[in-house]
């Protein structure tokens, strides 16, 4: 369930899903731990895709004729995920300040 929440939050942020399916979801973690969990999840998904035969070669064969997909791929290769500006409101997750030594709270709403 936590992995589904992390995927929803990072890639989709559908308010209805976050407010209904994950309304009770609360993660107690630091900002650093949140990003570690997101990285582990990305590695897991990559592994599952590779096991299913969805490799980079498959991707290129399938999408090489779609210009906007290839342009997005080039942008990711040049500057990583951060190459895409996230215009969504970023107030859904709250992390405690550096002055607090307690575990910070990352809450969905």
C-alpha atoms as a PDB file:
ATOM      1  CA  UNK A   1       0.000   0.000   0.000  1.00  0.00           C
ATOM      2  CA  UNK A   2       2.846   2.368   0.794  1.00  0.00           C
ATOM      3  CA  UNK A   3       4.366   1.734  -2.635  1.00  0.00           C
ATOM      4  CA  UNK A   4       1.045   2.482  -4.349  1.00  0.00           C
ATOM      5  CA  UNK A   5       0.820   5.690  -2.356  1.00  0.00           C
ATOM      6  CA  UNK A   6       4.372   6.706  -3.289  1.00  0.00           C
ATOM      7  CA  UNK A   7       3.637   6.066  -6.975  1.00  0.00           C
ATOM      8  CA  UNK A   8       0.377   7.983  -6.854  1.00  0.00           C
ATOM      9  CA  UNK A   9       1.939  10.920  -5.086  1.00  0.00           C
ATOM     10  CA  UNK A  10       5.037  11.184  -7.251  1.00  0.00           C
ATOM     11  CA  UNK A  11       3.624  10.548 -10.707  1.00  0.00           C
ATOM     12  CA  UNK A  12      -0.120  11.226 -10.717  1.00  0.00           C
ATOM     13  CA  UNK A  13      -1.313  13.201  -7.685  1.00  0.00           C
ATOM     14  CA  UNK A  14      -4.953  12.639  -8.465  1.00  0.00           C
ATOM     15  CA  UNK A  15      -6.692  14.482  -5.658  1.00  0.00           C
ATOM     16  CA  UNK A  16      -9.624  12.081  -5.622  1.00  0.00           C
ATOM     17  CA  UNK A  17      -7.374   9.026  -5.193  1.00  0.00           C
ATOM     18  CA  UNK A  18      -5.217  10.713  -2.574  1.00  0.00           C
ATOM     19  CA  UNK A  19      -8.212  11.958  -0.596  1.00  0.00           C
ATOM     20  CA  UNK A  20     -10.239   8.744  -0.823  1.00  0.00           C
ATOM     21  CA  UNK A  21      -7.993   5.701  -1.114  1.00  0.00           C
ATOM     22  CA  UNK A  22      -5.088   7.183   0.842  1.00  0.00           C
ATOM     23  CA  UNK A  23      -6.938   9.544   3.182  1.00  0.00           C
ATOM     24  CA  UNK A  24      -5.716   7.634   6.218  1.00  0.00           C
ATOM     25  CA  UNK A  25      -2.161   7.260   4.895  1.00  0.00           C
ATOM     26  CA  UNK A  26       0.476   8.915   7.010  1.00  0.00           C
ATOM     27  CA  UNK A  27       4.163   8.257   6.775  1.00  0.00           C
ATOM     28  CA  UNK A  28       6.501   9.148   9.574  1.00  0.00           C
ATOM     29  CA  UNK A  29       9.827   9.767   7.952  1.00  0.00           C
ATOM     30  CA  UNK A  30      12.413  12.374   7.226  1.00  0.00           C
ATOM     31  CA  UNK A  31      12.600  14.020   3.825  1.00  0.00           C
ATOM     32  CA  UNK A  32      15.771  12.045   3.135  1.00  0.00           C
ATOM     33  CA  UNK A  33      14.019   8.760   3.960  1.00  0.00           C
ATOM     34  CA  UNK A  34      11.117   9.706   1.684  1.00  0.00           C
ATOM     35  CA  UNK A  35      13.482  10.144  -1.257  1.00  0.00           C
ATOM     36  CA  UNK A  36      15.285   6.887  -0.414  1.00  0.00           C
ATOM     37  CA  UNK A  37      11.950   5.068  -0.481  1.00  0.00           C
ATOM     38  CA  UNK A  38      11.095   6.664  -3.826  1.00  0.00           C
ATOM     39  CA  UNK A  39      14.492   5.567  -5.223  1.00  0.00           C
ATOM     40  CA  UNK A  40      14.049   1.990  -3.961  1.00  0.00           C
ATOM     41  CA  UNK A  41      10.611   1.869  -5.541  1.00  0.00           C
ATOM     42  CA  UNK A  42      11.961   3.136  -8.881  1.00  0.00           C
ATOM     43  CA  UNK A  43      14.625   0.403  -8.809  1.00  0.00           C
ATOM     44  CA  UNK A  44      11.997  -2.227  -8.009  1.00  0.00           C
ATOM     45  CA  UNK A  45       9.746  -1.105 -10.870  1.00  0.00           C
ATOM     46  CA  UNK A  46      12.699  -1.046 -13.257  1.00  0.00           C
ATOM     47  CA  UNK A  47      13.570  -4.598 -12.257  1.00  0.00           C
ATOM     48  CA  UNK A  48       9.993  -5.790 -12.772  1.00  0.00           C
ATOM     49  CA  UNK A  49       9.834  -4.135 -16.195  1.00  0.00           C
ATOM     50  CA  UNK A  50      13.147  -5.706 -17.224  1.00  0.00           C
ATOM     51  CA  UNK A  51      11.941  -9.143 -16.077  1.00  0.00           C
ATOM     52  CA  UNK A  52       8.876  -8.689 -18.272  1.00  0.00           C
ATOM     53  CA  UNK A  53      11.055  -7.937 -21.305  1.00  0.00           C
ATOM     54  CA  UNK A  54      10.416  -4.203 -21.274  1.00  0.00           C
ATOM     55  CA  UNK A  55      14.026  -3.176 -21.765  1.00  0.00           C
ATOM     56  CA  UNK A  56      15.536  -0.035 -23.252  1.00  0.00           C
ATOM     57  CA  UNK A  57      15.785  -1.854 -26.591  1.00  0.00           C
ATOM     58  CA  UNK A  58      12.061  -2.640 -26.430  1.00  0.00           C
ATOM     59  CA  UNK A  59      11.305   0.974 -25.564  1.00  0.00           C
ATOM     60  CA  UNK A  60      13.335   2.296 -28.497  1.00  0.00           C
ATOM     61  CA  UNK A  61      11.759  -0.181 -30.896  1.00  0.00           C
ATOM     62  CA  UNK A  62       8.267   0.704 -29.678  1.00  0.00           C
ATOM     63  CA  UNK A  63       8.536   4.469 -29.316  1.00  0.00           C
ATOM     64  CA  UNK A  64      11.261   5.582 -31.745  1.00  0.00           C
ATOM     65  CA  UNK A  65       8.605   6.817 -34.174  1.00  0.00           C
ATOM     66  CA  UNK A  66       6.870   8.989 -31.547  1.00  0.00           C
ATOM     67  CA  UNK A  67       8.721  12.337 -31.592  1.00  0.00           C
ATOM     68  CA  UNK A  68       7.446  13.750 -28.288  1.00  0.00           C
ATOM     69  CA  UNK A  69       8.330  10.550 -26.416  1.00  0.00           C
ATOM     70  CA  UNK A  70      11.832  10.569 -27.863  1.00  0.00           C
ATOM     71  CA  UNK A  71      12.187  14.282 -27.013  1.00  0.00           C
ATOM     72  CA  UNK A  72      11.169  13.510 -23.420  1.00  0.00           C
ATOM     73  CA  UNK A  73      13.685  10.656 -23.301  1.00  0.00           C
ATOM     74  CA  UNK A  74      16.447  12.972 -24.497  1.00  0.00           C
ATOM     75  CA  UNK A  75      15.511  15.520 -21.852  1.00  0.00           C
ATOM     76  CA  UNK A  76      15.668  12.835 -19.149  1.00  0.00           C
ATOM     77  CA  UNK A  77      19.061  11.679 -20.432  1.00  0.00           C
ATOM     78  CA  UNK A  78      20.400  15.237 -20.344  1.00  0.00           C
ATOM     79  CA  UNK A  79      19.112  16.393 -16.987  1.00  0.00           C
ATOM     80  CA  UNK A  80      17.376  13.483 -15.291  1.00  0.00           C
ATOM     81  CA  UNK A  81      13.880  13.538 -13.873  1.00  0.00           C
ATOM     82  CA  UNK A  82      14.457  17.072 -12.667  1.00  0.00           C
ATOM     83  CA  UNK A  83      14.442  18.188 -16.287  1.00  0.00           C
ATOM     84  CA  UNK A  84      10.680  18.218 -16.111  1.00  0.00           C
ATOM     85  CA  UNK A  85       9.327  21.098 -14.101  1.00  0.00           C
ATOM     86  CA  UNK A  86       6.741  19.929 -11.611  1.00  0.00           C
ATOM     87  CA  UNK A  87       4.017  22.566 -11.586  1.00  0.00           C
ATOM     88  CA  UNK A  88       1.846  20.738  -9.069  1.00  0.00           C
ATOM     89  CA  UNK A  89       1.385  22.218  -5.634  1.00  0.00           C
ATOM     90  CA  UNK A  90       4.060  20.792  -3.371  1.00  0.00           C
ATOM     91  CA  UNK A  91       2.324  21.375  -0.057  1.00  0.00           C
ATOM     92  CA  UNK A  92       0.997  17.847   0.358  1.00  0.00           C
ATOM     93  CA  UNK A  93       4.117  16.560   2.090  1.00  0.00           C
ATOM     94  CA  UNK A  94       5.412  18.306   5.158  1.00  0.00           C
ATOM     95  CA  UNK A  95       8.836  17.761   6.636  1.00  0.00           C
ATOM     96  CA  UNK A  96      10.018  19.104   9.931  1.00  0.00           C
ATOM     97  CA  UNK A  97      12.753  21.729   9.898  1.00  0.00           C
ATOM     98  CA  UNK A  98      16.402  20.949  10.486  1.00  0.00           C
ATOM     99  CA  UNK A  99      16.126  22.333  14.012  1.00  0.00           C
ATOM    100  CA  UNK A 100      13.849  19.464  15.020  1.00  0.00           C
ATOM    101  CA  UNK A 101      15.575  16.219  15.912  1.00  0.00           C
ATOM    102  CA  UNK A 102      12.286  14.292  15.998  1.00  0.00           C
ATOM    103  CA  UNK A 103      11.156  12.117  13.124  1.00  0.00           C
ATOM    104  CA  UNK A 104       9.427  14.368  10.661  1.00  0.00           C
ATOM    105  CA  UNK A 105       5.974  13.672   9.385  1.00  0.00           C
ATOM    106  CA  UNK A 106       5.213  13.224   5.701  1.00  0.00           C
ATOM    107  CA  UNK A 107       1.477  13.299   5.459  1.00  0.00           C
ATOM    108  CA  UNK A 108      -0.543  13.062   2.296  1.00  0.00           C
ATOM    109  CA  UNK A 109      -3.155  15.630   3.302  1.00  0.00           C
END
